[in-house]
């Protein structure tokens, strides 16, 4: 039987066993709210009614075409309007997921659109969880909750999963989960086990088959682990095990590509076309639609005639020739794209007769500026993983500076950008600005009113007379 003094003790009162945490304060409640909000936007806003123009091309664009080919039994092929044979245009994970949806609910049907957008929303909502875990390790619980709620409710974070059939939401979740695992492995008081390194490598293999550009972050995560883990934990052997596991995950797709094309193709092959569309004699630094087989009949005929791999090799030669003949233009285009990646590429936005293009740039610029300011504050305050977050903002965009910087390319690192911006605002709340005050003109206090004077005073030597 418990003694009365023990029952009433502060330790007993504050025990987490006696004061269970309300489920509404759990991060899983945030995840649920985020998912239900996205589901409501899809269902009530009818975002699943994707335009049928150009034979439903906006239903996933090239990934939609690949998924259609898979669903119709034609294999991973024909990423544009006409049959062109085997393809490595995109990584395989999302097209195969979309193909499964087409098999179940019909090719390009509204039910399929609802299902795949709901799939996107699940991973967008789960990003609240990974973002919370990351923030909790770096900044603490208060920032973690604020960041998770911001991601759950921020309209721009809601837009992509409910409107666009593409892999961005899945990529953003996987990359944030990889960052969380990186931080977790460095916090352990004992060396990460072999299975943890293997699990880490399997995750990066899945990331490579979902969005190959994200693999640029793997070296930085491994270097961070090698730097933070003590040598007695043998991190170099673990990093090698991680790379081996990732390679084994990717290897079957590389073997498929070799069997289909007769040469080595690392996951995808469309980078030369993307670079050529943004770097040619008709370009102004952004893409020229006429170079894309999906937009131009002549390019489509050439694509069909040569086949995908030879077509990409031809575009690679053309973009190299442009870079040799016009190096200054290429540098200027690249510098412009660096800016456009963060402020959004120019796009006419006519609303009520007014062009809001400048306002659109500002809307993109403000979150980016807040993220970089939050990064600077993180580095200044020597928070853990500050340099790793810097790599996300500085190294991840590098490949996209060479091509047309579509806004969706940035979505993979937007959870980390939201986190840094939230940290900035949380720190800003602590700043107290002392404005100069005018000399007081109030009458002198009457005797016997000492207590009221002291209550208004900010001095530490306040004296309260004994009553």
Protein backbone atom coordinates (compact mmCIF):
# COMPACT_ATOMS: atom_id res chain seq x y z
CA UNK A 1 0.00 0.00 0.00
CA UNK A 2 1.36 3.38 -0.97
CA UNK A 3 2.16 5.87 1.77
CA UNK A 4 0.20 9.14 1.69
CA UNK A 5 3.28 11.28 1.41
CA UNK A 6 4.49 9.23 -1.56
CA UNK A 7 1.11 9.49 -3.24
CA UNK A 8 1.08 13.26 -2.95
CA UNK A 9 4.73 13.77 -3.87
CA UNK A 10 5.62 15.96 -6.91
CA UNK A 11 7.45 13.03 -8.48
CA UNK A 12 4.34 10.92 -8.39
CA UNK A 13 2.21 13.72 -9.77
CA UNK A 14 4.55 14.39 -12.69
CA UNK A 15 5.10 10.75 -13.54
CA UNK A 16 4.27 10.03 -17.18
CA UNK A 17 2.58 6.83 -16.04
CA UNK A 18 0.08 8.76 -13.96
CA UNK A 19 -0.44 11.59 -16.43
CA UNK A 20 -0.81 9.92 -19.82
CA UNK A 21 -0.34 12.15 -22.80
CA UNK A 22 -3.48 13.08 -24.64
CA UNK A 23 -3.69 11.50 -28.05
CA UNK A 24 -4.58 14.87 -29.53
CA UNK A 25 -1.11 16.08 -28.58
CA UNK A 26 0.53 13.15 -30.34
CA UNK A 27 2.36 13.55 -33.64
CA UNK A 28 0.07 10.85 -35.06
CA UNK A 29 -2.88 13.19 -34.57
CA UNK A 30 -1.03 15.74 -36.73
CA UNK A 31 -0.49 13.04 -39.37
CA UNK A 32 -4.19 12.17 -39.30
CA UNK A 33 -5.26 15.79 -39.66
CA UNK A 34 -2.82 16.27 -42.54
CA UNK A 35 -4.17 13.22 -44.36
CA UNK A 36 -7.84 14.07 -43.83
CA UNK A 37 -7.23 17.63 -45.04
CA UNK A 38 -5.61 16.40 -48.24
CA UNK A 39 -8.31 13.80 -48.77
CA UNK A 40 -10.98 16.46 -48.34
CA UNK A 41 -9.32 18.71 -50.90
CA UNK A 42 -9.16 15.83 -53.41
CA UNK A 43 -12.77 14.78 -52.87
CA UNK A 44 -14.54 18.10 -52.33
CA UNK A 45 -12.33 20.05 -54.72
CA UNK A 46 -12.66 17.39 -57.45
CA UNK A 47 -8.92 17.52 -58.16
CA UNK A 48 -9.23 13.93 -59.43
CA UNK A 49 -10.97 15.28 -62.53
CA UNK A 50 -7.81 15.62 -64.58
CA UNK A 51 -8.22 17.17 -68.02
CA UNK A 52 -8.50 14.57 -70.82
CA UNK A 53 -6.70 16.79 -73.33
CA UNK A 54 -4.04 15.16 -75.47
CA UNK A 55 -5.24 11.73 -74.46
CA UNK A 56 -4.88 12.44 -70.72
CA UNK A 57 -1.21 13.46 -71.01
CA UNK A 58 -1.45 15.60 -67.86
CA UNK A 59 -2.40 12.45 -65.96
CA UNK A 60 1.20 11.75 -64.99
CA UNK A 61 2.80 12.95 -68.24
CA UNK A 62 5.60 10.50 -69.16
CA UNK A 63 5.06 8.47 -65.98
CA UNK A 64 1.41 8.12 -66.90
CA UNK A 65 2.33 6.87 -70.37
CA UNK A 66 4.80 4.36 -68.90
CA UNK A 67 2.18 3.18 -66.43
CA UNK A 68 -0.35 2.76 -69.23
CA UNK A 69 2.10 0.62 -71.20
CA UNK A 70 2.75 -1.56 -68.15
CA UNK A 71 -0.98 -1.93 -67.40
CA UNK A 72 -1.67 -2.92 -71.02
CA UNK A 73 1.00 -5.62 -70.93
CA UNK A 74 3.54 -3.76 -73.07
CA UNK A 75 6.21 -3.49 -70.39
CA UNK A 76 8.14 -0.42 -69.32
CA UNK A 77 7.95 1.35 -72.69
CA UNK A 78 6.62 4.25 -74.78
CA UNK A 79 6.82 7.30 -72.48
CA UNK A 80 5.21 9.58 -75.09
CA UNK A 81 2.22 9.39 -77.41
CA UNK A 82 3.46 6.79 -79.91
CA UNK A 83 5.00 3.33 -79.44
CA UNK A 84 8.80 3.75 -79.15
CA UNK A 85 9.95 0.52 -77.54
CA UNK A 86 11.74 -0.06 -74.21
CA UNK A 87 12.27 2.95 -72.02
CA UNK A 88 14.37 4.16 -69.11
CA UNK A 89 12.84 7.65 -69.17
CA UNK A 90 11.96 7.61 -65.47
CA UNK A 91 12.87 5.55 -62.40
CA UNK A 92 10.59 2.52 -62.10
CA UNK A 93 8.95 2.74 -58.66
CA UNK A 94 6.23 5.32 -59.25
CA UNK A 95 5.25 4.16 -62.79
CA UNK A 96 4.78 0.63 -61.48
CA UNK A 97 2.68 1.90 -58.55
CA UNK A 98 0.57 3.93 -60.98
CA UNK A 99 0.29 0.91 -63.27
CA UNK A 100 -1.09 -1.11 -60.36
CA UNK A 101 -3.69 1.60 -59.81
CA UNK A 102 -4.59 1.49 -63.52
CA UNK A 103 -4.96 -2.29 -63.31
CA UNK A 104 -7.36 -2.01 -60.39
CA UNK A 105 -9.42 1.04 -61.33
CA UNK A 106 -8.96 1.59 -65.06
CA UNK A 107 -6.44 3.42 -67.25
CA UNK A 108 -6.79 7.20 -66.88
CA UNK A 109 -10.11 6.85 -65.02
CA UNK A 110 -11.28 9.33 -62.42
CA UNK A 111 -11.27 6.58 -59.80
CA UNK A 112 -7.62 5.89 -60.63
CA UNK A 113 -6.88 9.59 -60.27
CA UNK A 114 -8.57 9.67 -56.86
CA UNK A 115 -6.64 6.58 -55.75
CA UNK A 116 -3.18 7.77 -56.83
CA UNK A 117 -3.73 11.26 -55.38
CA UNK A 118 -4.79 9.61 -52.12
CA UNK A 119 -1.59 7.55 -52.28
CA UNK A 120 0.37 10.78 -52.68
CA UNK A 121 -1.48 12.27 -49.72
CA UNK A 122 -0.63 9.35 -47.45
CA UNK A 123 3.09 9.96 -47.89
CA UNK A 124 2.69 13.72 -47.71
CA UNK A 125 0.93 13.27 -44.36
CA UNK A 126 3.56 10.80 -43.14
CA UNK A 127 6.17 13.46 -43.81
CA UNK A 128 4.76 15.22 -40.72
CA UNK A 129 6.06 12.28 -38.69
CA UNK A 130 9.55 12.23 -40.17
CA UNK A 131 9.76 16.03 -39.97
CA UNK A 132 8.74 15.90 -36.30
CA UNK A 133 11.43 13.32 -35.53
CA UNK A 134 14.10 15.35 -37.31
CA UNK A 135 13.14 18.60 -35.59
CA UNK A 136 12.92 16.90 -32.20
CA UNK A 137 16.52 15.71 -32.48
CA UNK A 138 17.89 19.03 -33.72
CA UNK A 139 15.77 21.73 -32.08
CA UNK A 140 13.51 20.16 -29.47
CA UNK A 141 9.83 19.29 -29.08
CA UNK A 142 8.40 22.80 -29.45
CA UNK A 143 9.94 23.36 -32.87
CA UNK A 144 9.08 19.78 -33.82
CA UNK A 145 5.36 20.32 -33.18
CA UNK A 146 5.36 23.67 -34.95
CA UNK A 147 7.13 22.23 -37.99
CA UNK A 148 4.82 19.21 -38.20
CA UNK A 149 1.69 21.37 -37.97
CA UNK A 150 3.08 23.78 -40.53
CA UNK A 151 3.68 20.96 -43.00
CA UNK A 152 0.23 19.54 -42.28
CA UNK A 153 -1.62 22.81 -42.96
CA UNK A 154 0.64 24.84 -45.26
CA UNK A 155 -1.29 25.27 -48.56
CA UNK A 156 1.76 24.82 -50.77
CA UNK A 157 2.59 21.51 -49.05
CA UNK A 158 -1.01 20.44 -49.64
CA UNK A 159 -1.02 21.44 -53.31
CA UNK A 160 1.42 18.92 -54.79
CA UNK A 161 -0.03 15.64 -53.49
CA UNK A 162 -3.63 16.56 -54.30
CA UNK A 163 -3.09 18.07 -57.75
CA UNK A 164 -0.13 16.45 -59.51
CA UNK A 165 0.34 12.80 -60.44
CA UNK A 166 4.11 12.54 -59.89
CA UNK A 167 6.51 11.09 -57.35
CA UNK A 168 7.30 14.32 -55.41
CA UNK A 169 5.38 13.45 -52.23
CA UNK A 170 6.87 9.97 -52.04
CA UNK A 171 10.36 11.37 -52.71
CA UNK A 172 10.01 14.05 -50.04
CA UNK A 173 8.95 11.48 -47.46
CA UNK A 174 11.74 9.01 -48.31
CA UNK A 175 14.42 11.70 -48.22
CA UNK A 176 13.19 13.07 -44.89
CA UNK A 177 13.11 9.53 -43.49
CA UNK A 178 16.70 9.00 -44.64
CA UNK A 179 17.70 12.19 -42.84
CA UNK A 180 15.97 11.03 -39.66
CA UNK A 181 17.74 7.65 -39.80
CA UNK A 182 21.06 9.45 -40.26
CA UNK A 183 20.47 11.49 -37.11
CA UNK A 184 19.22 8.46 -35.18
CA UNK A 185 22.31 6.41 -35.98
CA UNK A 186 24.58 9.14 -34.62
CA UNK A 187 22.60 9.45 -31.37
CA UNK A 188 23.02 5.82 -30.39
CA UNK A 189 25.17 5.07 -27.36
CA UNK A 190 26.26 1.83 -28.96
CA UNK A 191 27.49 1.20 -32.50
CA UNK A 192 24.81 0.82 -35.19
CA UNK A 193 24.29 -2.84 -35.89
CA UNK A 194 24.84 -4.40 -39.29
CA UNK A 195 21.11 -4.68 -39.87
CA UNK A 196 20.74 -0.94 -39.27
CA UNK A 197 23.35 -0.18 -41.92
CA UNK A 198 21.64 -2.63 -44.29
CA UNK A 199 18.24 -1.04 -43.62
CA UNK A 200 19.79 2.36 -44.32
CA UNK A 201 21.21 1.08 -47.62
CA UNK A 202 17.92 -0.51 -48.66
CA UNK A 203 16.18 2.80 -48.07
CA UNK A 204 18.69 4.61 -50.29
CA UNK A 205 18.26 1.94 -52.96
CA UNK A 206 14.51 2.56 -52.90
CA UNK A 207 15.17 6.30 -53.11
CA UNK A 208 17.39 5.77 -56.17
CA UNK A 209 14.61 3.83 -57.90
CA UNK A 210 12.08 6.52 -57.03
CA UNK A 211 13.99 9.75 -57.75
CA UNK A 212 17.55 9.19 -58.89
CA UNK A 213 18.58 12.80 -58.28
CA UNK A 214 18.14 12.28 -54.53
CA UNK A 215 21.14 9.92 -54.51
CA UNK A 216 23.29 13.05 -54.53
CA UNK A 217 22.51 13.30 -50.79
CA UNK A 218 23.79 9.81 -49.94
CA UNK A 219 27.52 10.77 -49.86
CA UNK A 220 26.78 13.67 -47.51
CA UNK A 221 24.77 11.48 -45.14
CA UNK A 222 27.55 8.88 -45.08
CA UNK A 223 30.21 11.53 -44.51
CA UNK A 224 28.16 12.91 -41.64
CA UNK A 225 27.98 9.44 -40.09
CA UNK A 226 31.72 8.91 -40.53
CA UNK A 227 32.36 12.28 -38.89
CA UNK A 228 30.00 11.87 -35.92
CA UNK A 229 30.42 8.19 -35.07
CA UNK A 230 33.46 7.24 -32.95
CA UNK A 231 36.10 5.16 -34.70
CA UNK A 232 35.54 2.31 -32.29
CA UNK A 233 32.08 1.91 -33.88
CA UNK A 234 33.82 1.04 -37.20
CA UNK A 235 31.64 3.40 -39.27
CA UNK A 236 33.68 2.86 -42.44
CA UNK A 237 32.72 -0.82 -42.55
CA UNK A 238 29.10 0.11 -41.92
CA UNK A 239 29.14 2.68 -44.72
CA UNK A 240 30.48 0.03 -47.08
CA UNK A 241 27.68 -2.31 -46.03
CA UNK A 242 25.16 0.48 -46.68
CA UNK A 243 26.49 1.12 -50.19
CA UNK A 244 26.46 -2.60 -50.95
CA UNK A 245 22.85 -2.94 -49.81
CA UNK A 246 21.80 0.06 -51.94
CA UNK A 247 23.63 -1.40 -54.95
CA UNK A 248 21.87 -4.74 -54.53
CA UNK A 249 18.48 -3.00 -54.49
CA UNK A 250 19.25 -1.07 -57.68
CA UNK A 251 21.05 -3.94 -59.48
CA UNK A 252 17.95 -5.72 -60.91
CA UNK A 253 16.84 -2.54 -62.65
CA UNK A 254 20.33 -1.94 -64.03
CA UNK A 255 20.32 -5.51 -65.36
CA UNK A 256 16.95 -4.88 -66.97
CA UNK A 257 18.30 -1.73 -68.66
CA UNK A 258 21.34 -3.61 -69.98
CA UNK A 259 19.11 -6.36 -71.35
CA UNK A 260 16.78 -3.79 -72.99
CA UNK A 261 19.42 -1.45 -74.49
CA UNK A 262 22.56 -3.56 -74.76
CA UNK A 263 24.61 -1.12 -72.68
CA UNK A 264 24.84 0.23 -69.15
CA UNK A 265 22.17 2.80 -68.24
CA UNK A 266 22.08 3.98 -64.63
CA UNK A 267 18.39 3.88 -63.70
CA UNK A 268 17.20 6.56 -66.16
CA UNK A 269 18.40 8.06 -69.43
CA UNK A 270 16.52 11.31 -70.14
CA UNK A 271 19.01 13.84 -68.69
CA UNK A 272 20.50 14.72 -72.14
CA UNK A 273 17.06 15.69 -73.45
CA UNK A 274 16.30 17.77 -70.35
CA UNK A 275 19.63 19.59 -70.71
CA UNK A 276 19.16 20.12 -74.44
CA UNK A 277 15.70 21.62 -74.02
CA UNK A 278 17.16 24.27 -71.68
CA UNK A 279 20.45 24.82 -73.57
CA UNK A 280 20.04 25.30 -77.31
CA UNK A 281 20.12 28.07 -79.89
CA UNK A 282 16.38 28.74 -79.55
CA UNK A 283 16.45 28.68 -75.74
CA UNK A 284 16.56 31.64 -73.39
CA UNK A 285 17.80 29.52 -70.52
CA UNK A 286 14.48 27.75 -69.94
CA UNK A 287 13.08 24.84 -71.84
CA UNK A 288 11.89 24.97 -75.45
CA UNK A 289 8.76 22.88 -75.82
CA UNK A 290 9.43 22.11 -79.48
CA UNK A 291 12.39 19.90 -78.54
CA UNK A 292 10.23 17.49 -76.53
CA UNK A 293 8.80 14.50 -78.45
CA UNK A 294 5.55 14.88 -76.54
CA UNK A 295 5.06 18.43 -77.85
CA UNK A 296 6.42 18.37 -81.39
CA UNK A 297 5.51 16.01 -84.23
CA UNK A 298 8.96 16.28 -85.82
CA UNK A 299 10.74 15.45 -82.58
CA UNK A 300 8.30 12.59 -82.05
CA UNK A 301 9.09 11.11 -85.48
CA UNK A 302 12.81 11.38 -84.78
CA UNK A 303 12.32 9.77 -81.39
CA UNK A 304 10.37 6.90 -82.91
CA UNK A 305 12.87 6.46 -85.74
CA UNK A 306 16.00 6.34 -83.58
CA UNK A 307 14.60 4.73 -80.47
CA UNK A 308 14.97 6.17 -77.01
CA UNK A 309 18.63 5.49 -76.31
CA UNK A 310 19.98 6.72 -79.67
CA UNK A 311 17.70 9.76 -79.46
CA UNK A 312 19.17 10.62 -76.05
CA UNK A 313 22.70 10.14 -77.36
CA UNK A 314 21.96 12.55 -80.22
CA UNK A 315 20.66 15.16 -77.76
CA UNK A 316 23.76 14.67 -75.63
CA UNK A 317 25.98 15.49 -78.61
CA UNK A 318 23.91 18.56 -79.43
CA UNK A 319 24.03 19.96 -75.89
CA UNK A 320 27.80 19.39 -75.71
CA UNK A 321 28.20 21.23 -79.00
CA UNK A 322 26.15 24.14 -77.69
CA UNK A 323 28.28 24.33 -74.53
CA UNK A 324 31.49 24.35 -76.59
CA UNK A 325 30.28 27.00 -79.04
CA UNK A 326 28.45 29.22 -76.53
CA UNK A 327 30.14 28.85 -73.13
CA UNK A 328 29.20 32.37 -72.01
CA UNK A 329 25.52 31.83 -72.81
CA UNK A 330 25.57 28.50 -71.01
CA UNK A 331 27.04 30.13 -67.89
CA UNK A 332 24.50 32.96 -68.07
CA UNK A 333 21.63 30.51 -68.50
CA UNK A 334 22.86 28.49 -65.54
CA UNK A 335 23.10 31.52 -63.26
CA UNK A 336 19.58 32.55 -64.25
CA UNK A 337 18.32 29.06 -63.48
CA UNK A 338 19.96 29.20 -60.06
CA UNK A 339 17.73 32.18 -59.29
CA UNK A 340 14.66 30.65 -60.92
CA UNK A 341 15.01 27.46 -58.88
CA UNK A 342 14.36 29.50 -55.73
CA UNK A 343 12.00 32.19 -57.02
CA UNK A 344 10.16 30.10 -59.61
CA UNK A 345 10.62 30.30 -63.40
CA UNK A 346 8.87 33.19 -65.19
CA UNK A 347 5.25 32.43 -65.89
CA UNK A 348 2.45 34.74 -66.87
CA UNK A 349 -0.33 34.79 -64.27
CA UNK A 350 -3.27 36.91 -65.39
CA UNK A 351 -5.87 37.46 -62.65
CA UNK A 352 -8.67 40.00 -63.23
CA UNK A 353 -6.61 41.57 -66.00
CA UNK A 354 -3.44 41.92 -63.90
CA UNK A 355 -0.22 40.03 -64.49
CA UNK A 356 0.89 38.64 -61.12
CA UNK A 357 4.20 37.20 -62.30
CA UNK A 358 6.21 39.38 -59.87
CA UNK A 359 3.92 38.39 -57.01
CA UNK A 360 4.50 34.75 -57.95
CA UNK A 361 8.26 35.25 -57.69
CA UNK A 362 7.83 36.85 -54.28
CA UNK A 363 5.68 33.96 -53.05
CA UNK A 364 8.46 31.53 -53.98
CA UNK A 365 11.22 33.78 -52.66
CA UNK A 366 9.91 34.35 -49.12
CA UNK A 367 9.97 30.69 -47.96
CA UNK A 368 13.39 30.22 -49.55
CA UNK A 369 14.75 33.33 -47.81
CA UNK A 370 13.32 32.15 -44.48
CA UNK A 371 14.87 28.71 -44.97
CA UNK A 372 18.34 30.13 -45.67
CA UNK A 373 18.02 32.51 -42.72
CA UNK A 374 17.03 29.57 -40.53
CA UNK A 375 20.02 27.64 -41.84
CA UNK A 376 22.33 30.51 -40.94
CA UNK A 377 20.86 30.65 -37.45
CA UNK A 378 21.23 26.88 -37.10
CA UNK A 379 24.90 27.05 -38.01
CA UNK A 380 25.46 30.04 -35.76
CA UNK A 381 23.88 28.27 -32.78
CA UNK A 382 25.91 25.12 -33.53
CA UNK A 383 22.87 22.89 -33.72
CA UNK A 384 23.54 19.24 -34.60
CA UNK A 385 23.20 18.37 -38.30
CA UNK A 386 23.45 22.02 -39.34
CA UNK A 387 26.03 21.23 -42.00
CA UNK A 388 23.95 18.30 -43.21
CA UNK A 389 20.95 20.60 -43.66
CA UNK A 390 23.25 23.00 -45.52
CA UNK A 391 24.05 20.19 -47.97
CA UNK A 392 20.34 19.70 -48.59
CA UNK A 393 19.91 23.34 -49.56
CA UNK A 394 23.21 23.83 -51.39
CA UNK A 395 24.09 20.48 -53.00
CA UNK A 396 20.72 18.93 -53.86
CA UNK A 397 19.70 21.65 -56.39
CA UNK A 398 22.96 21.48 -58.40
CA UNK A 399 21.71 19.08 -61.13
CA UNK A 400 18.55 21.14 -61.55
CA UNK A 401 20.54 24.27 -62.33
CA UNK A 402 21.42 22.64 -65.67
CA UNK A 403 17.80 22.05 -66.76
CA UNK A 404 14.52 23.91 -66.63
CA UNK A 405 13.85 24.46 -62.89
CA UNK A 406 10.25 23.35 -62.57
CA UNK A 407 8.90 24.19 -59.08
CA UNK A 408 8.12 20.55 -58.38
CA UNK A 409 11.84 19.71 -58.43
CA UNK A 410 12.25 21.61 -55.15
CA UNK A 411 9.53 19.71 -53.32
CA UNK A 412 11.86 16.91 -52.20
CA UNK A 413 13.71 19.28 -49.84
CA UNK A 414 10.76 21.47 -48.89
CA UNK A 415 10.16 19.62 -45.60
CA UNK A 416 13.66 20.63 -44.53
CA UNK A 417 13.04 24.17 -45.80
CA UNK A 418 9.83 24.36 -43.73
CA UNK A 419 11.75 23.10 -40.70
CA UNK A 420 14.43 25.79 -41.03
CA UNK A 421 11.85 28.53 -41.55
CA UNK A 422 9.87 27.42 -38.50
CA UNK A 423 13.04 27.40 -36.40
CA UNK A 424 13.76 30.96 -37.55
CA UNK A 425 10.35 32.19 -36.46
CA UNK A 426 10.50 30.30 -33.16
CA UNK A 427 13.82 31.95 -32.37
CA UNK A 428 12.51 35.34 -33.48
CA UNK A 429 9.80 35.12 -30.81
CA UNK A 430 12.48 35.20 -28.13
CA UNK A 431 13.90 38.50 -29.28
CA UNK A 432 12.78 41.40 -27.10
CA UNK A 433 12.96 44.85 -28.65
CA UNK A 434 13.18 47.64 -26.06
CA UNK A 435 11.74 50.77 -27.60
CA UNK A 436 12.77 54.10 -26.04
CA UNK A 437 10.06 55.42 -23.72
CA UNK A 438 9.05 58.97 -23.04
CA UNK A 439 9.67 60.27 -19.51
CA UNK A 440 6.77 59.47 -17.24
CA UNK A 441 4.38 62.36 -16.55
CA UNK A 442 2.23 60.52 -14.02
CA UNK A 443 1.83 62.18 -10.59
CA UNK A 444 4.00 61.04 -7.75
CA UNK A 445 2.53 58.13 -5.78
CA UNK A 446 0.74 58.86 -2.55
CA UNK A 447 2.17 57.52 0.69
CA UNK A 448 1.02 54.03 1.48
CA UNK A 449 0.94 53.04 -2.23
CA UNK A 450 4.40 51.47 -2.31
CA UNK A 451 3.15 48.03 -3.27
CA UNK A 452 1.42 49.19 -6.49
CA UNK A 453 4.55 51.04 -7.54
CA UNK A 454 6.68 47.96 -7.03
CA UNK A 455 4.31 45.77 -9.03
CA UNK A 456 4.79 48.04 -12.05
CA UNK A 457 8.55 48.23 -11.62
CA UNK A 458 11.03 46.12 -13.60
CA UNK A 459 13.81 46.65 -11.07
CA UNK A 460 15.11 43.74 -8.99
CA UNK A 461 15.48 45.76 -5.77
CA UNK A 462 11.74 46.15 -5.23
CA UNK A 463 10.75 46.17 -1.58
CA UNK A 464 7.35 45.08 -0.36
CA UNK A 465 6.60 46.34 3.16
CA UNK A 466 5.43 43.70 5.57
CA UNK A 467 1.72 43.76 6.12
